[in-house]
Amino acid sequence: MPQHSDRLLFEFLVLEGMQAGLSWETILRKRPAFRRAFERFDPVKVARFGAREVARLMKDEGIIRNRAKIDASIGNAKAFLAVSDEFGSFDRYVWGFDDKERLSKDLKKRGFKFVGPTIVESFMQAVGIRNDHEPRCYRYSELERRNERAKKRYLGR
C-alpha cells in the first residue's frame, strides 16, 4: 500500500537495511524491539544518536546488533533529514522515482548506506512505489489507481 508518512518511510528504510542478508521473518519478529530501540523511528532523535546510544544498541538482544547497520541507520537519519529539508519531505523526494537503480544511486550520492538496488527495490515495493503484483491480481489495478493519485497529489503531476 502506498505510504506517505515520513516517519514510516524512515522506518521501512532502516528495516530494509537491517534485513540485508537475513530473512524478513527475523526482522518482522524484531520490529517492536526496533521501534523501541530507534525511538519509534523518529529520524530527528536517531540522527542525534552518539556513542552511548550505539553502545546501548549493540547490547540490545531484541534487534540486529550489526555495527555497520547501526551506524548506517544513524547516518541515514541525518541524510534523511537533509533530503526532507531540501524537498519539503522525504515522501515528496522518494515518490519522484520509479526506478530502483536511479533511486539507489541518488540515495548513495546523498550519503545513505545500505541502499543498494536490491534493498531499494524491496523498499519501493514495501511502501507502494512499485507495484509488482501480477496484472491479473485484484490488487494490481487498485494499487495502480492509488499510486497515480498519490503521484499527482504529492508531485503535482
Protein backbone atom coordinates (compact mmCIF):
# COMPACT_ATOMS: atom_id res chain seq x y z
CA MET A 1 0.00 0.00 0.00
CA PRO A 2 1.29 3.49 -0.76
CA GLN A 3 2.89 5.03 2.32
CA HIS A 4 3.43 8.78 2.69
CA SER A 5 4.34 9.30 6.34
CA ASP A 6 7.98 10.37 6.57
CA ARG A 7 8.34 8.55 9.86
CA LEU A 8 7.02 5.34 8.34
CA LEU A 9 9.21 5.77 5.25
CA PHE A 10 12.23 6.12 7.54
CA GLU A 11 11.19 3.00 9.45
CA PHE A 12 10.94 0.98 6.24
CA LEU A 13 14.30 2.30 5.04
CA VAL A 14 16.01 1.28 8.29
CA LEU A 15 14.33 -2.13 8.42
CA GLU A 16 15.19 -2.84 4.77
CA GLY A 17 18.84 -2.10 5.53
CA MET A 18 18.75 -4.24 8.66
CA GLN A 19 17.21 -7.09 6.67
CA ALA A 20 20.17 -7.34 4.26
CA GLY A 21 21.36 -10.95 4.38
CA LEU A 22 18.61 -12.01 6.79
CA SER A 23 15.05 -13.25 6.49
CA TRP A 24 12.08 -10.91 6.66
CA GLU A 25 10.62 -13.17 9.30
CA THR A 26 13.52 -12.25 11.59
CA ILE A 27 13.04 -8.52 11.00
CA LEU A 28 9.27 -8.62 11.45
CA ARG A 29 9.63 -10.58 14.68
CA LYS A 30 12.05 -7.93 15.97
CA ARG A 31 10.08 -4.93 14.71
CA PRO A 32 8.66 -3.95 18.13
CA ALA A 33 12.16 -4.03 19.63
CA PHE A 34 13.48 -1.94 16.73
CA ARG A 35 10.74 0.61 17.34
CA ARG A 36 11.75 0.90 20.99
CA ALA A 37 15.47 0.95 20.28
CA PHE A 38 15.21 3.53 17.49
CA GLU A 39 12.86 5.94 19.27
CA ARG A 40 9.83 4.86 17.18
CA PHE A 41 11.92 5.68 14.11
CA ASP A 42 11.94 9.40 14.73
CA PRO A 43 14.73 10.49 12.35
CA VAL A 44 15.45 13.65 14.38
CA LYS A 45 16.13 11.58 17.51
CA VAL A 46 18.06 8.86 15.65
CA ALA A 47 20.25 11.47 13.94
CA ARG A 48 21.35 12.62 17.40
CA PHE A 49 22.49 9.15 18.50
CA GLY A 50 26.08 9.12 19.68
CA ALA A 51 28.50 6.64 21.23
CA ARG A 52 26.29 5.99 24.28
CA GLU A 53 23.26 5.10 22.13
CA VAL A 54 25.37 2.94 19.81
CA ALA A 55 26.71 1.03 22.82
CA ARG A 56 23.12 0.56 24.05
CA LEU A 57 22.01 -0.72 20.65
CA MET A 58 24.94 -3.13 20.42
CA LYS A 59 23.78 -4.71 23.71
CA ASP A 60 20.10 -4.90 22.73
CA GLU A 61 19.35 -8.56 22.01
CA GLY A 62 15.96 -7.61 20.57
CA ILE A 63 17.44 -6.04 17.43
CA ILE A 64 20.10 -6.86 14.84
CA ARG A 65 23.38 -5.99 16.56
CA ASN A 66 25.46 -5.31 13.47
CA ARG A 67 27.66 -2.25 13.99
CA ALA A 68 27.77 -1.34 10.30
CA LYS A 69 23.99 -1.48 10.05
CA ILE A 70 23.50 0.52 13.25
CA ASP A 71 25.99 3.18 12.11
CA ALA A 72 24.29 3.27 8.69
CA SER A 73 20.89 3.77 10.33
CA ILE A 74 22.17 6.78 12.26
CA GLY A 75 23.90 8.22 9.21
CA ASN A 76 20.81 7.57 7.13
CA ALA A 77 18.72 9.54 9.65
CA LYS A 78 20.98 12.54 9.06
CA ALA A 79 20.80 12.13 5.28
CA PHE A 80 17.01 11.60 5.54
CA LEU A 81 16.63 14.93 7.34
CA ALA A 82 18.79 16.71 4.74
CA VAL A 83 16.63 15.31 1.92
CA SER A 84 13.47 16.27 3.82
CA ASP A 85 14.74 19.83 4.19
CA GLU A 86 15.66 20.05 0.51
CA PHE A 87 12.41 18.63 -0.87
CA GLY A 88 9.96 19.60 1.86
CA SER A 89 9.57 15.95 2.85
CA PHE A 90 11.24 12.63 2.19
CA ASP A 91 7.91 11.49 0.79
CA ARG A 92 7.98 14.14 -1.95
CA TYR A 93 11.55 13.13 -2.83
CA VAL A 94 11.16 9.35 -2.89
CA TRP A 95 7.88 9.33 -4.82
CA GLY A 96 9.71 11.14 -7.62
CA PHE A 97 11.45 7.87 -8.54
CA ASP A 98 10.13 4.82 -10.30
CA ASP A 99 13.45 3.10 -11.00
CA LYS A 100 15.36 1.26 -8.26
CA GLU A 101 18.76 1.89 -9.88
CA ARG A 102 18.24 5.64 -10.13
CA LEU A 103 16.93 5.88 -6.58
CA SER A 104 19.75 3.71 -5.22
CA LYS A 105 22.39 5.85 -6.95
CA ASP A 106 20.81 9.09 -5.79
CA LEU A 107 20.50 7.89 -2.19
CA LYS A 108 24.17 6.84 -2.20
CA LYS A 109 25.16 10.20 -3.68
CA ARG A 110 23.34 11.85 -0.77
CA GLY A 111 25.27 9.78 1.80
CA PHE A 112 22.85 6.93 2.52
CA LYS A 113 24.28 3.48 3.27
CA PHE A 114 22.77 0.00 2.81
CA VAL A 115 20.73 1.28 -0.14
CA GLY A 116 21.86 -0.97 -2.97
CA PRO A 117 19.43 -1.77 -5.78
CA THR A 118 18.05 -4.92 -4.12
CA ILE A 119 17.35 -3.15 -0.82
CA VAL A 120 15.88 -0.15 -2.64
CA GLU A 121 13.66 -2.39 -4.75
CA SER A 122 12.29 -4.03 -1.59
CA PHE A 123 11.79 -0.60 -0.02
CA MET A 124 9.91 0.64 -3.10
CA GLN A 125 7.68 -2.44 -3.01
CA ALA A 126 7.04 -2.16 0.72
CA VAL A 127 5.98 1.50 0.58
CA GLY A 128 3.92 1.09 -2.58
CA ILE A 129 6.06 2.98 -5.07
CA ARG A 130 6.50 -0.21 -7.10
CA ASN A 131 3.51 -2.38 -7.83
CA ASP A 132 4.87 -5.84 -8.53
CA HIS A 133 1.53 -7.61 -8.32
CA GLU A 134 0.64 -9.63 -11.38
CA PRO A 135 -1.66 -7.60 -13.67
CA ARG A 136 -4.33 -10.32 -13.20
CA CYS A 137 -4.21 -9.88 -9.40
CA TYR A 138 -7.15 -7.92 -7.97
CA ARG A 139 -4.68 -5.72 -6.04
CA TYR A 140 -2.79 -4.66 -9.17
CA SER A 141 -5.35 -2.21 -10.57
CA GLU A 142 -6.28 -0.94 -7.10
CA LEU A 143 -2.66 -0.10 -6.33
CA GLU A 144 -2.11 1.42 -9.76
CA ARG A 145 -5.01 3.82 -9.16
CA ARG A 146 -3.74 4.70 -5.68
CA ASN A 147 -0.20 5.25 -6.95
CA GLU A 148 -1.35 7.52 -9.75
CA ARG A 149 -3.44 9.59 -7.33
CA ALA A 150 -0.50 9.75 -4.89
CA LYS A 151 1.95 10.85 -7.56
CA LYS A 152 -0.43 13.56 -8.77
CA ARG A 153 -1.11 14.79 -5.25
CA TYR A 154 2.43 14.69 -3.91
CA LEU A 155 4.35 15.60 -7.04
CA GLY A 156 1.91 17.99 -8.64
CA ARG A 157 1.75 15.88 -11.82
